[in-house]
Amino acid sequence: MLECADGSLYTGIARDLDARIKTHNEGTGAKYTRGRLPVKLVYREVAKNRASASQREHEIKQMPRQSKLALLSS
């Protein structure tokens, strides 16, 4: 999970996390983050495969902001 410059949270999946954060901060990542630079990593989970990563991404995206913030502090 990334925190954007405006304080919003962005959730996504990546094989190479460092490279993905770099692309976001270069303005070539997701459209959502392009206007909210810079971004910084605030939370990560490791999944065993892409399917489980995508499923978990969906679960997190459905959470209200307060639940996401609670996840960050766990």
PDB file of N, CA and C in Angstrom:
ATOM      1  N   MET A   1       0.858  -1.156   0.000  1.00  0.00           N
ATOM      2  CA  MET A   1       0.000   0.000   0.000  1.00  0.00           C
ATOM      3  C   MET A   1       0.909   1.225   0.000  1.00  0.00           C
ATOM      4  N   LEU A   2       0.559   2.178  -0.840  1.00  0.00           N
ATOM      5  CA  LEU A   2       1.328   3.407  -0.939  1.00  0.00           C
ATOM      6  C   LEU A   2       0.534   4.556  -0.346  1.00  0.00           C
ATOM      7  N   GLU A   3       1.247   5.469   0.273  1.00  0.00           N
ATOM      8  CA  GLU A   3       0.625   6.716   0.697  1.00  0.00           C
ATOM      9  C   GLU A   3       1.032   7.774  -0.307  1.00  0.00           C
ATOM     10  N   CYS A   4       0.051   8.450  -0.861  1.00  0.00           N
ATOM     11  CA  CYS A   4       0.300   9.499  -1.850  1.00  0.00           C
ATOM     12  C   CYS A   4       0.527  10.833  -1.142  1.00  0.00           C
ATOM     13  N   ALA A   5       1.053  11.795  -1.888  1.00  0.00           N
ATOM     14  CA  ALA A   5       1.362  13.114  -1.330  1.00  0.00           C
ATOM     15  C   ALA A   5       0.134  13.795  -0.734  1.00  0.00           C
ATOM     16  N   ASP A   6      -1.048  13.487  -1.257  1.00  0.00           N
ATOM     17  CA  ASP A   6      -2.273  14.105  -0.730  1.00  0.00           C
ATOM     18  C   ASP A   6      -2.853  13.347   0.468  1.00  0.00           C
ATOM     19  N   GLY A   7      -2.141  12.308   0.930  1.00  0.00           N
ATOM     20  CA  GLY A   7      -2.587  11.535   2.083  1.00  0.00           C
ATOM     21  C   GLY A   7      -3.467  10.354   1.745  1.00  0.00           C
ATOM     22  N   SER A   8      -3.835  10.208   0.480  1.00  0.00           N
ATOM     23  CA  SER A   8      -4.665   9.069   0.083  1.00  0.00           C
ATOM     24  C   SER A   8      -3.816   7.803   0.027  1.00  0.00           C
ATOM     25  N   LEU A   9      -4.492   6.663   0.038  1.00  0.00           N
ATOM     26  CA  LEU A   9      -3.820   5.367   0.008  1.00  0.00           C
ATOM     27  C   LEU A   9      -4.101   4.673  -1.312  1.00  0.00           C
ATOM     28  N   TYR A  10      -3.068   4.072  -1.887  1.00  0.00           N
ATOM     29  CA  TYR A  10      -3.192   3.344  -3.148  1.00  0.00           C
ATOM     30  C   TYR A  10      -2.768   1.904  -2.900  1.00  0.00           C
ATOM     31  N   THR A  11      -3.557   0.963  -3.356  1.00  0.00           N
ATOM     32  CA  THR A  11      -3.258  -0.456  -3.196  1.00  0.00           C
ATOM     33  C   THR A  11      -3.076  -1.092  -4.561  1.00  0.00           C
ATOM     34  N   GLY A  12      -2.022  -1.884  -4.695  1.00  0.00           N
ATOM     35  CA  GLY A  12      -1.760  -2.584  -5.944  1.00  0.00           C
ATOM     36  C   GLY A  12      -0.883  -3.796  -5.684  1.00  0.00           C
ATOM     37  N   ILE A  13      -0.588  -4.540  -6.750  1.00  0.00           N
ATOM     38  CA  ILE A  13       0.298  -5.697  -6.630  1.00  0.00           C
ATOM     39  C   ILE A  13       1.475  -5.518  -7.576  1.00  0.00           C
ATOM     40  N   ALA A  14       2.593  -6.159  -7.225  1.00  0.00           N
ATOM     41  CA  ALA A  14       3.797  -6.053  -8.051  1.00  0.00           C
ATOM     42  C   ALA A  14       4.717  -7.228  -7.766  1.00  0.00           C
ATOM     43  N   ARG A  15       5.440  -7.650  -8.790  1.00  0.00           N
ATOM     44  CA  ARG A  15       6.462  -8.677  -8.596  1.00  0.00           C
ATOM     45  C   ARG A  15       7.735  -8.059  -8.038  1.00  0.00           C
ATOM     46  N   ASP A  16       8.113  -6.897  -8.575  1.00  0.00           N
ATOM     47  CA  ASP A  16       9.310  -6.183  -8.137  1.00  0.00           C
ATOM     48  C   ASP A  16       8.852  -4.875  -7.501  1.00  0.00           C
ATOM     49  N   LEU A  17       8.733  -4.883  -6.200  1.00  0.00           N
ATOM     50  CA  LEU A  17       8.155  -3.752  -5.482  1.00  0.00           C
ATOM     51  C   LEU A  17       8.964  -2.469  -5.661  1.00  0.00           C
ATOM     52  N   ASP A  18      10.283  -2.555  -5.552  1.00  0.00           N
ATOM     53  CA  ASP A  18      11.117  -1.358  -5.703  1.00  0.00           C
ATOM     54  C   ASP A  18      10.962  -0.738  -7.082  1.00  0.00           C
ATOM     55  N   ALA A  19      10.943  -1.569  -8.109  1.00  0.00           N
ATOM     56  CA  ALA A  19      10.784  -1.066  -9.477  1.00  0.00           C
ATOM     57  C   ALA A  19       9.406  -0.439  -9.663  1.00  0.00           C
ATOM     58  N   ARG A  20       8.398  -1.033  -9.063  1.00  0.00           N
ATOM     59  CA  ARG A  20       7.035  -0.504  -9.208  1.00  0.00           C
ATOM     60  C   ARG A  20       6.895   0.856  -8.526  1.00  0.00           C
ATOM     61  N   ILE A  21       7.474   0.998  -7.349  1.00  0.00           N
ATOM     62  CA  ILE A  21       7.424   2.288  -6.660  1.00  0.00           C
ATOM     63  C   ILE A  21       8.167   3.335  -7.476  1.00  0.00           C
ATOM     64  N   LYS A  22       9.279   2.935  -8.066  1.00  0.00           N
ATOM     65  CA  LYS A  22      10.046   3.862  -8.905  1.00  0.00           C
ATOM     66  C   LYS A  22       9.206   4.335 -10.092  1.00  0.00           C
ATOM     67  N   THR A  23       8.494   3.422 -10.747  1.00  0.00           N
ATOM     68  CA  THR A  23       7.668   3.830 -11.890  1.00  0.00           C
ATOM     69  C   THR A  23       6.549   4.768 -11.455  1.00  0.00           C
ATOM     70  N   HIS A  24       5.976   4.508 -10.290  1.00  0.00           N
ATOM     71  CA  HIS A  24       4.951   5.421  -9.774  1.00  0.00           C
ATOM     72  C   HIS A  24       5.547   6.813  -9.577  1.00  0.00           C
ATOM     73  N   ASN A  25       6.702   6.887  -8.930  1.00  0.00           N
ATOM     74  CA  ASN A  25       7.306   8.181  -8.626  1.00  0.00           C
ATOM     75  C   ASN A  25       7.861   8.891  -9.856  1.00  0.00           C
ATOM     76  N   GLU A  26       8.067   8.163 -10.934  1.00  0.00           N
ATOM     77  CA  GLU A  26       8.485   8.783 -12.198  1.00  0.00           C
ATOM     78  C   GLU A  26       7.284   9.287 -12.991  1.00  0.00           C
ATOM     79  N   GLY A  27       6.089   9.012 -12.495  1.00  0.00           N
ATOM     80  CA  GLY A  27       4.877   9.458 -13.170  1.00  0.00           C
ATOM     81  C   GLY A  27       4.408   8.529 -14.267  1.00  0.00           C
ATOM     82  N   THR A  28       4.975   7.322 -14.322  1.00  0.00           N
ATOM     83  CA  THR A  28       4.587   6.364 -15.358  1.00  0.00           C
ATOM     84  C   THR A  28       3.840   5.161 -14.781  1.00  0.00           C
ATOM     85  N   GLY A  29       3.450   5.252 -13.520  1.00  0.00           N
ATOM     86  CA  GLY A  29       2.691   4.178 -12.891  1.00  0.00           C
ATOM     87  C   GLY A  29       1.210   4.352 -13.150  1.00  0.00           C
ATOM     88  N   ALA A  30       0.412   3.955 -12.202  1.00  0.00           N
ATOM     89  CA  ALA A  30      -1.048   4.045 -12.328  1.00  0.00           C
ATOM     90  C   ALA A  30      -1.503   5.495 -12.468  1.00  0.00           C
ATOM     91  N   LYS A  31      -2.578   5.690 -13.218  1.00  0.00           N
ATOM     92  CA  LYS A  31      -3.128   7.042 -13.395  1.00  0.00           C
ATOM     93  C   LYS A  31      -3.452   7.691 -12.055  1.00  0.00           C
ATOM     94  N   TYR A  32      -3.930   6.891 -11.121  1.00  0.00           N
ATOM     95  CA  TYR A  32      -4.311   7.430  -9.813  1.00  0.00           C
ATOM     96  C   TYR A  32      -3.146   8.136  -9.141  1.00  0.00           C
ATOM     97  N   THR A  33      -1.955   7.562  -9.212  1.00  0.00           N
ATOM     98  CA  THR A  33      -0.816   8.131  -8.488  1.00  0.00           C
ATOM     99  C   THR A  33      -0.127   9.266  -9.239  1.00  0.00           C
ATOM    100  N   ARG A  34      -0.346   9.382 -10.533  1.00  0.00           N
ATOM    101  CA  ARG A  34       0.366  10.391 -11.332  1.00  0.00           C
ATOM    102  C   ARG A  34       0.184  11.807 -10.822  1.00  0.00           C
ATOM    103  N   GLY A  35      -0.987  12.149 -10.379  1.00  0.00           N
ATOM    104  CA  GLY A  35      -1.244  13.491  -9.880  1.00  0.00           C
ATOM    105  C   GLY A  35      -1.081  13.620  -8.380  1.00  0.00           C
ATOM    106  N   ARG A  36      -0.550  12.586  -7.746  1.00  0.00           N
ATOM    107  CA  ARG A  36      -0.440  12.566  -6.289  1.00  0.00           C
ATOM    108  C   ARG A  36       0.970  12.201  -5.847  1.00  0.00           C
ATOM    109  N   LEU A  37       1.954  12.675  -6.571  1.00  0.00           N
ATOM    110  CA  LEU A  37       3.353  12.335  -6.304  1.00  0.00           C
ATOM    111  C   LEU A  37       3.955  13.262  -5.259  1.00  0.00           C
ATOM    112  N   PRO A  38       4.956  12.793  -4.516  1.00  0.00           N
ATOM    113  CA  PRO A  38       5.523  11.449  -4.547  1.00  0.00           C
ATOM    114  C   PRO A  38       4.685  10.475  -3.717  1.00  0.00           C
ATOM    115  N   VAL A  39       4.961   9.196  -3.924  1.00  0.00           N
ATOM    116  CA  VAL A  39       4.314   8.149  -3.137  1.00  0.00           C
ATOM    117  C   VAL A  39       5.375   7.459  -2.291  1.00  0.00           C
ATOM    118  N   LYS A  40       4.938   6.893  -1.171  1.00  0.00           N
ATOM    119  CA  LYS A  40       5.875   6.131  -0.342  1.00  0.00           C
ATOM    120  C   LYS A  40       5.194   4.857   0.141  1.00  0.00           C
ATOM    121  N   LEU A  41       5.980   3.825   0.286  1.00  0.00           N
ATOM    122  CA  LEU A  41       5.476   2.537   0.749  1.00  0.00           C
ATOM    123  C   LEU A  41       5.165   2.617   2.239  1.00  0.00           C
ATOM    124  N   VAL A  42       3.944   2.212   2.608  1.00  0.00           N
ATOM    125  CA  VAL A  42       3.562   2.221   4.023  1.00  0.00           C
ATOM    126  C   VAL A  42       3.141   0.838   4.523  1.00  0.00           C
ATOM    127  N   TYR A  43       2.871  -0.100   3.600  1.00  0.00           N
ATOM    128  CA  TYR A  43       2.446  -1.438   4.014  1.00  0.00           C
ATOM    129  C   TYR A  43       2.654  -2.407   2.870  1.00  0.00           C
ATOM    130  N   ARG A  44       3.058  -3.632   3.216  1.00  0.00           N
ATOM    131  CA  ARG A  44       3.181  -4.671   2.194  1.00  0.00           C
ATOM    132  C   ARG A  44       2.870  -6.036   2.783  1.00  0.00           C
ATOM    133  N   GLU A  45       2.391  -6.903   1.934  1.00  0.00           N
ATOM    134  CA  GLU A  45       2.167  -8.307   2.259  1.00  0.00           C
ATOM    135  C   GLU A  45       2.782  -9.116   1.132  1.00  0.00           C
ATOM    136  N   VAL A  46       3.268 -10.298   1.451  1.00  0.00           N
ATOM    137  CA  VAL A  46       3.818 -11.188   0.438  1.00  0.00           C
ATOM    138  C   VAL A  46       2.812 -12.314   0.202  1.00  0.00           C
ATOM    139  N   ALA A  47       2.489 -12.556  -1.061  1.00  0.00           N
ATOM    140  CA  ALA A  47       1.535 -13.609  -1.425  1.00  0.00           C
ATOM    141  C   ALA A  47       2.276 -14.749  -2.113  1.00  0.00           C
ATOM    142  N   LYS A  48       1.686 -15.934  -2.076  1.00  0.00           N
ATOM    143  CA  LYS A  48       2.354 -17.088  -2.682  1.00  0.00           C
ATOM    144  C   LYS A  48       2.206 -17.139  -4.194  1.00  0.00           C
ATOM    145  N   ASN A  49       1.181 -16.459  -4.741  1.00  0.00           N
ATOM    146  CA  ASN A  49       1.009 -16.426  -6.198  1.00  0.00           C
ATOM    147  C   ASN A  49       0.173 -15.212  -6.598  1.00  0.00           C
ATOM    148  N   ARG A  50       0.096 -14.982  -7.905  1.00  0.00           N
ATOM    149  CA  ARG A  50      -0.615 -13.800  -8.404  1.00  0.00           C
ATOM    150  C   ARG A  50      -2.110 -13.840  -8.074  1.00  0.00           C
ATOM    151  N   ALA A  51      -2.697 -15.015  -8.140  1.00  0.00           N
ATOM    152  CA  ALA A  51      -4.131 -15.135  -7.855  1.00  0.00           C
ATOM    153  C   ALA A  51      -4.447 -14.716  -6.423  1.00  0.00           C
ATOM    154  N   SER A  52      -3.671 -15.202  -5.474  1.00  0.00           N
ATOM    155  CA  SER A  52      -3.931 -14.825  -4.079  1.00  0.00           C
ATOM    156  C   SER A  52      -3.593 -13.355  -3.839  1.00  0.00           C
ATOM    157  N   ALA A  53      -2.594 -12.833  -4.539  1.00  0.00           N
ATOM    158  CA  ALA A  53      -2.261 -11.407  -4.424  1.00  0.00           C
ATOM    159  C   ALA A  53      -3.410 -10.550  -4.948  1.00  0.00           C
ATOM    160  N   SER A  54      -3.971 -10.934  -6.080  1.00  0.00           N
ATOM    161  CA  SER A  54      -5.090 -10.184  -6.661  1.00  0.00           C
ATOM    162  C   SER A  54      -6.318 -10.236  -5.762  1.00  0.00           C
ATOM    163  N   GLN A  55      -6.561 -11.390  -5.172  1.00  0.00           N
ATOM    164  CA  GLN A  55      -7.703 -11.539  -4.273  1.00  0.00           C
ATOM    165  C   GLN A  55      -7.532 -10.639  -3.044  1.00  0.00           C
ATOM    166  N   ARG A  56      -6.334 -10.643  -2.480  1.00  0.00           N
ATOM    167  CA  ARG A  56      -6.073  -9.809  -1.298  1.00  0.00           C
ATOM    168  C   ARG A  56      -6.134  -8.319  -1.655  1.00  0.00           C
ATOM    169  N   GLU A  57      -5.625  -7.963  -2.827  1.00  0.00           N
ATOM    170  CA  GLU A  57      -5.705  -6.579  -3.295  1.00  0.00           C
ATOM    171  C   GLU A  57      -7.167  -6.128  -3.339  1.00  0.00           C
ATOM    172  N   HIS A  58      -8.020  -6.967  -3.879  1.00  0.00           N
ATOM    173  CA  HIS A  58      -9.448  -6.644  -3.965  1.00  0.00           C
ATOM    174  C   HIS A  58     -10.052  -6.463  -2.571  1.00  0.00           C
ATOM    175  N   GLU A  59      -9.701  -7.356  -1.647  1.00  0.00           N
ATOM    176  CA  GLU A  59     -10.213  -7.252  -0.278  1.00  0.00           C
ATOM    177  C   GLU A  59      -9.814  -5.921   0.355  1.00  0.00           C
ATOM    178  N   ILE A  60      -8.553  -5.549   0.192  1.00  0.00           N
ATOM    179  CA  ILE A  60      -8.065  -4.303   0.794  1.00  0.00           C
ATOM    180  C   ILE A  60      -8.737  -3.102   0.150  1.00  0.00           C
ATOM    181  N   LYS A  61      -8.903  -3.133  -1.166  1.00  0.00           N
ATOM    182  CA  LYS A  61      -9.538  -2.007  -1.855  1.00  0.00           C
ATOM    183  C   LYS A  61     -10.985  -1.809  -1.417  1.00  0.00           C
ATOM    184  N   GLN A  62     -11.638  -2.870  -0.943  1.00  0.00           N
ATOM    185  CA  GLN A  62     -13.023  -2.773  -0.488  1.00  0.00           C
ATOM    186  C   GLN A  62     -13.135  -2.238   0.936  1.00  0.00           C
ATOM    187  N   MET A  63     -12.030  -2.204   1.662  1.00  0.00           N
ATOM    188  CA  MET A  63     -12.043  -1.746   3.049  1.00  0.00           C
ATOM    189  C   MET A  63     -12.247  -0.236   3.126  1.00  0.00           C
ATOM    190  N   PRO A  64     -12.948   0.218   4.158  1.00  0.00           N
ATOM    191  CA  PRO A  64     -13.006   1.664   4.387  1.00  0.00           C
ATOM    192  C   PRO A  64     -11.626   2.162   4.850  1.00  0.00           C
ATOM    193  N   ARG A  65     -11.392   3.442   4.715  1.00  0.00           N
ATOM    194  CA  ARG A  65     -10.089   4.026   5.054  1.00  0.00           C
ATOM    195  C   ARG A  65      -9.654   3.672   6.479  1.00  0.00           C
ATOM    196  N   GLN A  66     -10.572   3.719   7.441  1.00  0.00           N
ATOM    197  CA  GLN A  66     -10.219   3.427   8.834  1.00  0.00           C
ATOM    198  C   GLN A  66      -9.671   2.011   8.985  1.00  0.00           C
ATOM    199  N   SER A  67     -10.232   1.059   8.268  1.00  0.00           N
ATOM    200  CA  SER A  67      -9.750  -0.321   8.326  1.00  0.00           C
ATOM    201  C   SER A  67      -8.361  -0.428   7.714  1.00  0.00           C
ATOM    202  N   LYS A  68      -8.123   0.317   6.646  1.00  0.00           N
ATOM    203  CA  LYS A  68      -6.793   0.329   6.025  1.00  0.00           C
ATOM    204  C   LYS A  68      -5.767   0.917   6.984  1.00  0.00           C
ATOM    205  N   LEU A  69      -6.133   1.983   7.673  1.00  0.00           N
ATOM    206  CA  LEU A  69      -5.215   2.593   8.638  1.00  0.00           C
ATOM    207  C   LEU A  69      -4.929   1.639   9.792  1.00  0.00           C
ATOM    208  N   ALA A  70      -5.926   0.877  10.218  1.00  0.00           N
ATOM    209  CA  ALA A  70      -5.726  -0.116  11.272  1.00  0.00           C
ATOM    210  C   ALA A  70      -4.773  -1.208  10.793  1.00  0.00           C
ATOM    211  N   LEU A  71      -4.880  -1.570   9.534  1.00  0.00           N
ATOM    212  CA  LEU A  71      -3.989  -2.566   8.948  1.00  0.00           C
ATOM    213  C   LEU A  71      -2.548  -2.063   8.975  1.00  0.00           C
ATOM    214  N   LEU A  72      -2.358  -0.785   8.710  1.00  0.00           N
ATOM    215  CA  LEU A  72      -1.020  -0.197   8.716  1.00  0.00           C
ATOM    216  C   LEU A  72      -0.369  -0.279  10.086  1.00  0.00           C
ATOM    217  N   SER A  73      -1.151  -0.155  11.129  1.00  0.00           N
ATOM    218  CA  SER A  73      -0.589  -0.149  12.478  1.00  0.00           C
ATOM    219  C   SER A  73      -0.483  -1.546  13.089  1.00  0.00           C
ATOM    220  N   SER A  74      -0.888  -2.567  12.350  1.00  0.00           N
ATOM    221  CA  SER A  74      -0.812  -3.941  12.882  1.00  0.00           C
ATOM    222  C   SER A  74       0.543  -4.568  12.638  1.00  0.00           C
TER     223      SER A  74
END
